[in-house]
Amino acid sequence: MIILTPQAVQKLKSLLAEHPEESLVRVAIVEEGDDTLTHRITLEDAVKEGDYIQDCDGVTVVMDAQTTPRMDGVALDYKETGSKPGFIFKHPEPTNGDPHDPHLG
């Protein structure tokens, strides 16, 4: 289960209000080659087959089957400080020291 901070909820609700045709927030982990993983957040209008659906304080978050286990315990925050405001994914510490632990951040 992904965790949204109050700041992330507030920003996502603001973005959804600006785009009323899109009522869902999709969180995805995308492989970018060279063993690089990137987080992606998009606004969408429909759930896809096999999606995990989670309500986070009034924000509907959807994730595909590959992303869902990797986002377990991850906190999504939003910061407006500094010159580059944006979303930040905070991964929990691995519990067993395994370098292949899906929670490794």
N, C-alpha and C. Protein backbone atom coordinates (compact mmCIF):
# COMPACT_ATOMS: atom_id res chain seq x y z
N MET A 1 0.84 -1.17 0.00
CA MET A 1 0.00 0.00 0.00
C MET A 1 0.90 1.24 0.00
N ILE A 2 0.62 2.17 -0.91
CA ILE A 2 1.35 3.44 -0.96
C ILE A 2 0.76 4.38 0.09
N ILE A 3 1.59 5.25 0.61
CA ILE A 3 1.17 6.23 1.61
C ILE A 3 1.33 7.61 1.01
N LEU A 4 0.28 8.43 1.06
CA LEU A 4 0.37 9.81 0.58
C LEU A 4 0.40 10.75 1.77
N THR A 5 1.36 11.67 1.78
CA THR A 5 1.40 12.67 2.83
C THR A 5 0.29 13.68 2.58
N PRO A 6 -0.10 14.45 3.60
CA PRO A 6 -1.12 15.48 3.39
C PRO A 6 -0.74 16.47 2.27
N GLN A 7 0.55 16.79 2.15
CA GLN A 7 0.99 17.70 1.10
C GLN A 7 0.79 17.08 -0.29
N ALA A 8 1.08 15.79 -0.43
CA ALA A 8 0.88 15.10 -1.70
C ALA A 8 -0.61 15.03 -2.05
N VAL A 9 -1.44 14.72 -1.06
CA VAL A 9 -2.90 14.67 -1.28
C VAL A 9 -3.40 16.03 -1.76
N GLN A 10 -2.98 17.08 -1.09
CA GLN A 10 -3.42 18.43 -1.44
C GLN A 10 -3.01 18.79 -2.87
N LYS A 11 -1.76 18.50 -3.25
CA LYS A 11 -1.29 18.83 -4.61
C LYS A 11 -2.00 17.98 -5.66
N LEU A 12 -2.18 16.69 -5.38
CA LEU A 12 -2.87 15.82 -6.34
C LEU A 12 -4.33 16.26 -6.52
N LYS A 13 -4.99 16.62 -5.43
CA LYS A 13 -6.38 17.11 -5.54
C LYS A 13 -6.43 18.38 -6.38
N SER A 14 -5.44 19.24 -6.22
CA SER A 14 -5.36 20.47 -7.01
C SER A 14 -5.19 20.14 -8.49
N LEU A 15 -4.31 19.21 -8.81
CA LEU A 15 -4.08 18.81 -10.20
C LEU A 15 -5.33 18.16 -10.80
N LEU A 16 -5.99 17.32 -10.01
CA LEU A 16 -7.21 16.67 -10.50
C LEU A 16 -8.31 17.70 -10.75
N ALA A 17 -8.38 18.74 -9.92
CA ALA A 17 -9.38 19.80 -10.11
C ALA A 17 -9.12 20.58 -11.40
N GLU A 18 -7.84 20.72 -11.75
CA GLU A 18 -7.48 21.40 -13.00
C GLU A 18 -7.78 20.55 -14.23
N HIS A 19 -7.92 19.24 -14.04
CA HIS A 19 -8.16 18.30 -15.14
C HIS A 19 -9.35 17.40 -14.79
N PRO A 20 -10.56 17.96 -14.78
CA PRO A 20 -11.73 17.19 -14.32
C PRO A 20 -12.05 15.96 -15.17
N GLU A 21 -11.54 15.90 -16.38
CA GLU A 21 -11.79 14.72 -17.23
C GLU A 21 -10.96 13.52 -16.79
N GLU A 22 -9.98 13.74 -15.93
CA GLU A 22 -9.12 12.67 -15.43
C GLU A 22 -9.28 12.58 -13.92
N SER A 23 -9.82 11.45 -13.46
CA SER A 23 -10.17 11.34 -12.05
C SER A 23 -9.26 10.39 -11.26
N LEU A 24 -8.26 9.82 -11.93
CA LEU A 24 -7.38 8.84 -11.29
C LEU A 24 -5.94 9.30 -11.33
N VAL A 25 -5.17 8.92 -10.30
CA VAL A 25 -3.74 9.16 -10.28
C VAL A 25 -3.06 7.81 -10.46
N ARG A 26 -2.32 7.66 -11.56
CA ARG A 26 -1.58 6.42 -11.80
C ARG A 26 -0.14 6.60 -11.34
N VAL A 27 0.30 5.69 -10.49
CA VAL A 27 1.69 5.65 -10.05
C VAL A 27 2.31 4.41 -10.69
N ALA A 28 3.46 4.61 -11.33
CA ALA A 28 4.10 3.49 -12.02
C ALA A 28 5.61 3.54 -11.81
N ILE A 29 6.21 2.37 -11.86
CA ILE A 29 7.66 2.25 -11.90
C ILE A 29 7.99 1.74 -13.29
N VAL A 30 8.82 2.50 -13.99
CA VAL A 30 9.14 2.20 -15.38
C VAL A 30 10.62 1.88 -15.50
N GLU A 31 10.95 0.78 -16.19
CA GLU A 31 12.35 0.44 -16.43
C GLU A 31 12.84 1.27 -17.60
N GLU A 32 13.97 1.95 -17.39
CA GLU A 32 14.50 2.86 -18.40
C GLU A 32 15.80 2.35 -19.01
N GLY A 33 16.08 1.08 -18.90
CA GLY A 33 17.33 0.54 -19.44
C GLY A 33 18.46 0.71 -18.44
N ASP A 34 19.58 0.02 -18.68
CA ASP A 34 20.73 0.09 -17.79
C ASP A 34 20.34 -0.14 -16.34
N ASP A 35 19.35 -0.98 -16.09
CA ASP A 35 18.89 -1.30 -14.74
C ASP A 35 18.42 -0.06 -13.96
N THR A 36 17.93 0.94 -14.69
CA THR A 36 17.44 2.17 -14.06
C THR A 36 15.92 2.11 -13.97
N LEU A 37 15.41 2.39 -12.78
CA LEU A 37 13.97 2.45 -12.57
C LEU A 37 13.57 3.90 -12.30
N THR A 38 12.46 4.32 -12.90
CA THR A 38 11.96 5.67 -12.73
C THR A 38 10.53 5.62 -12.23
N HIS A 39 10.20 6.52 -11.32
CA HIS A 39 8.81 6.65 -10.86
C HIS A 39 8.08 7.57 -11.82
N ARG A 40 6.83 7.26 -12.09
CA ARG A 40 6.02 8.10 -12.97
C ARG A 40 4.65 8.30 -12.34
N ILE A 41 4.17 9.54 -12.39
CA ILE A 41 2.82 9.87 -11.92
C ILE A 41 2.08 10.50 -13.09
N THR A 42 0.92 9.94 -13.43
CA THR A 42 0.09 10.51 -14.49
C THR A 42 -1.35 10.58 -14.02
N LEU A 43 -2.10 11.48 -14.62
CA LEU A 43 -3.54 11.55 -14.39
C LEU A 43 -4.21 10.80 -15.51
N GLU A 44 -5.20 9.98 -15.18
CA GLU A 44 -5.88 9.16 -16.18
C GLU A 44 -7.38 9.15 -15.92
N ASP A 45 -8.12 8.69 -16.93
CA ASP A 45 -9.58 8.69 -16.83
C ASP A 45 -10.19 7.31 -16.63
N ALA A 46 -9.39 6.25 -16.71
CA ALA A 46 -9.97 4.91 -16.60
C ALA A 46 -8.99 3.93 -15.94
N VAL A 47 -9.56 2.99 -15.23
CA VAL A 47 -8.80 1.90 -14.64
C VAL A 47 -8.52 0.88 -15.74
N LYS A 48 -7.33 0.28 -15.71
CA LYS A 48 -6.97 -0.76 -16.67
C LYS A 48 -7.13 -2.13 -16.01
N GLU A 49 -7.35 -3.13 -16.83
CA GLU A 49 -7.51 -4.48 -16.31
C GLU A 49 -6.29 -4.89 -15.50
N GLY A 50 -6.52 -5.43 -14.32
CA GLY A 50 -5.44 -5.88 -13.44
C GLY A 50 -4.90 -4.81 -12.51
N ASP A 51 -5.42 -3.58 -12.61
CA ASP A 51 -4.96 -2.50 -11.74
C ASP A 51 -5.35 -2.73 -10.29
N TYR A 52 -4.48 -2.30 -9.40
CA TYR A 52 -4.77 -2.22 -7.97
C TYR A 52 -5.31 -0.81 -7.75
N ILE A 53 -6.41 -0.69 -7.02
CA ILE A 53 -7.05 0.59 -6.77
C ILE A 53 -7.02 0.88 -5.28
N GLN A 54 -6.59 2.10 -4.94
CA GLN A 54 -6.48 2.47 -3.52
C GLN A 54 -7.00 3.90 -3.34
N ASP A 55 -7.83 4.09 -2.33
CA ASP A 55 -8.28 5.44 -1.99
C ASP A 55 -7.35 5.99 -0.91
N CYS A 56 -6.79 7.16 -1.18
CA CYS A 56 -5.91 7.83 -0.23
C CYS A 56 -6.50 9.20 0.09
N ASP A 57 -7.28 9.27 1.14
CA ASP A 57 -7.88 10.54 1.57
C ASP A 57 -8.60 11.25 0.43
N GLY A 58 -9.37 10.50 -0.34
CA GLY A 58 -10.16 11.09 -1.42
C GLY A 58 -9.47 11.14 -2.76
N VAL A 59 -8.24 10.68 -2.85
CA VAL A 59 -7.52 10.59 -4.12
C VAL A 59 -7.48 9.11 -4.51
N THR A 60 -7.97 8.80 -5.70
CA THR A 60 -7.96 7.42 -6.17
C THR A 60 -6.64 7.16 -6.90
N VAL A 61 -5.83 6.27 -6.32
CA VAL A 61 -4.53 5.91 -6.89
C VAL A 61 -4.66 4.53 -7.52
N VAL A 62 -4.15 4.38 -8.74
CA VAL A 62 -4.14 3.08 -9.40
C VAL A 62 -2.70 2.72 -9.75
N MET A 63 -2.41 1.41 -9.69
CA MET A 63 -1.08 0.89 -10.02
C MET A 63 -1.24 -0.43 -10.73
N ASP A 64 -0.33 -0.72 -11.66
CA ASP A 64 -0.38 -2.01 -12.35
C ASP A 64 0.21 -3.10 -11.46
N ALA A 65 0.10 -4.33 -11.92
CA ALA A 65 0.52 -5.49 -11.11
C ALA A 65 2.01 -5.51 -10.81
N GLN A 66 2.86 -4.97 -11.70
CA GLN A 66 4.29 -4.96 -11.45
C GLN A 66 4.68 -3.86 -10.46
N THR A 67 3.96 -2.76 -10.48
CA THR A 67 4.29 -1.63 -9.61
C THR A 67 3.82 -1.85 -8.18
N THR A 68 2.64 -2.44 -8.02
CA THR A 68 2.01 -2.54 -6.70
C THR A 68 2.93 -3.10 -5.61
N PRO A 69 3.58 -4.26 -5.79
CA PRO A 69 4.42 -4.76 -4.70
C PRO A 69 5.64 -3.89 -4.42
N ARG A 70 6.13 -3.21 -5.42
CA ARG A 70 7.30 -2.34 -5.24
C ARG A 70 6.96 -1.05 -4.49
N MET A 71 5.68 -0.69 -4.46
CA MET A 71 5.26 0.55 -3.79
C MET A 71 4.74 0.30 -2.38
N ASP A 72 4.79 -0.95 -1.92
CA ASP A 72 4.30 -1.26 -0.58
C ASP A 72 5.15 -0.55 0.46
N GLY A 73 4.53 0.32 1.23
CA GLY A 73 5.21 1.04 2.28
C GLY A 73 5.91 2.32 1.82
N VAL A 74 5.86 2.61 0.53
CA VAL A 74 6.49 3.82 0.00
C VAL A 74 5.59 5.02 0.30
N ALA A 75 6.21 6.11 0.72
CA ALA A 75 5.48 7.35 0.99
C ALA A 75 5.71 8.31 -0.17
N LEU A 76 4.62 8.89 -0.66
CA LEU A 76 4.71 9.92 -1.69
C LEU A 76 4.46 11.26 -1.02
N ASP A 77 5.43 12.16 -1.16
CA ASP A 77 5.35 13.47 -0.55
C ASP A 77 5.42 14.53 -1.64
N TYR A 78 5.08 15.76 -1.31
CA TYR A 78 5.22 16.89 -2.23
C TYR A 78 5.86 18.03 -1.48
N LYS A 79 6.91 18.59 -2.07
CA LYS A 79 7.64 19.71 -1.45
C LYS A 79 7.65 20.89 -2.41
N GLU A 80 7.40 22.09 -1.87
CA GLU A 80 7.46 23.31 -2.68
C GLU A 80 8.66 24.16 -2.32
N THR A 81 9.54 23.66 -1.49
CA THR A 81 10.70 24.43 -1.09
C THR A 81 11.79 24.35 -2.15
N GLY A 82 12.64 25.35 -2.18
CA GLY A 82 13.75 25.35 -3.12
C GLY A 82 13.30 25.75 -4.52
N SER A 83 14.21 25.60 -5.45
CA SER A 83 13.94 26.03 -6.83
C SER A 83 13.22 24.98 -7.65
N LYS A 84 13.15 23.75 -7.16
CA LYS A 84 12.50 22.67 -7.92
C LYS A 84 11.43 21.98 -7.08
N PRO A 85 10.23 22.54 -7.03
CA PRO A 85 9.16 21.84 -6.29
C PRO A 85 8.79 20.54 -7.01
N GLY A 86 8.32 19.57 -6.25
CA GLY A 86 7.90 18.34 -6.89
C GLY A 86 7.59 17.23 -5.91
N PHE A 87 7.21 16.09 -6.50
CA PHE A 87 6.88 14.90 -5.72
C PHE A 87 8.16 14.15 -5.39
N ILE A 88 8.15 13.54 -4.20
CA ILE A 88 9.30 12.77 -3.73
C ILE A 88 8.79 11.42 -3.25
N PHE A 89 9.40 10.35 -3.72
CA PHE A 89 9.09 9.00 -3.26
C PHE A 89 10.09 8.63 -2.18
N LYS A 90 9.58 8.26 -1.01
CA LYS A 90 10.43 7.85 0.10
C LYS A 90 10.22 6.36 0.36
N HIS A 91 11.26 5.58 0.05
CA HIS A 91 11.19 4.13 0.21
C HIS A 91 11.58 3.74 1.63
N PRO A 92 10.91 2.72 2.18
CA PRO A 92 11.30 2.22 3.51
C PRO A 92 12.64 1.51 3.42
N GLU A 93 13.29 1.41 4.54
CA GLU A 93 14.56 0.69 4.60
C GLU A 93 14.30 -0.80 4.37
N PRO A 94 15.18 -1.49 3.64
CA PRO A 94 15.00 -2.94 3.47
C PRO A 94 15.08 -3.63 4.83
N THR A 95 14.26 -4.65 4.97
CA THR A 95 14.19 -5.32 6.27
C THR A 95 15.18 -6.46 6.41
N ASN A 96 15.70 -6.98 5.30
CA ASN A 96 16.55 -8.17 5.41
C ASN A 96 17.95 -7.98 4.80
N GLY A 97 18.27 -6.79 4.30
CA GLY A 97 19.57 -6.56 3.72
C GLY A 97 19.75 -7.16 2.35
N ASP A 98 18.73 -7.75 1.78
CA ASP A 98 18.80 -8.37 0.47
C ASP A 98 18.85 -7.27 -0.60
N PRO A 99 19.89 -7.24 -1.46
CA PRO A 99 19.99 -6.19 -2.47
C PRO A 99 18.87 -6.27 -3.51
N HIS A 100 18.15 -7.38 -3.55
CA HIS A 100 17.04 -7.52 -4.50
C HIS A 100 15.69 -7.24 -3.84
N ASP A 101 15.73 -6.75 -2.61
CA ASP A 101 14.50 -6.41 -1.89
C ASP A 101 13.75 -5.36 -2.70
N PRO A 102 12.45 -5.58 -3.01
CA PRO A 102 11.70 -4.62 -3.83
C PRO A 102 11.49 -3.29 -3.15
N HIS A 103 11.76 -3.18 -1.85
CA HIS A 103 11.60 -1.92 -1.14
C HIS A 103 12.86 -1.07 -1.18
N LEU A 104 13.93 -1.61 -1.75
CA LEU A 104 15.16 -0.85 -1.77
C LEU A 104 14.96 0.45 -2.53
N GLY A 105 15.34 1.57 -1.93
CA GLY A 105 15.05 2.86 -2.55
C GLY A 105 16.21 3.63 -2.99
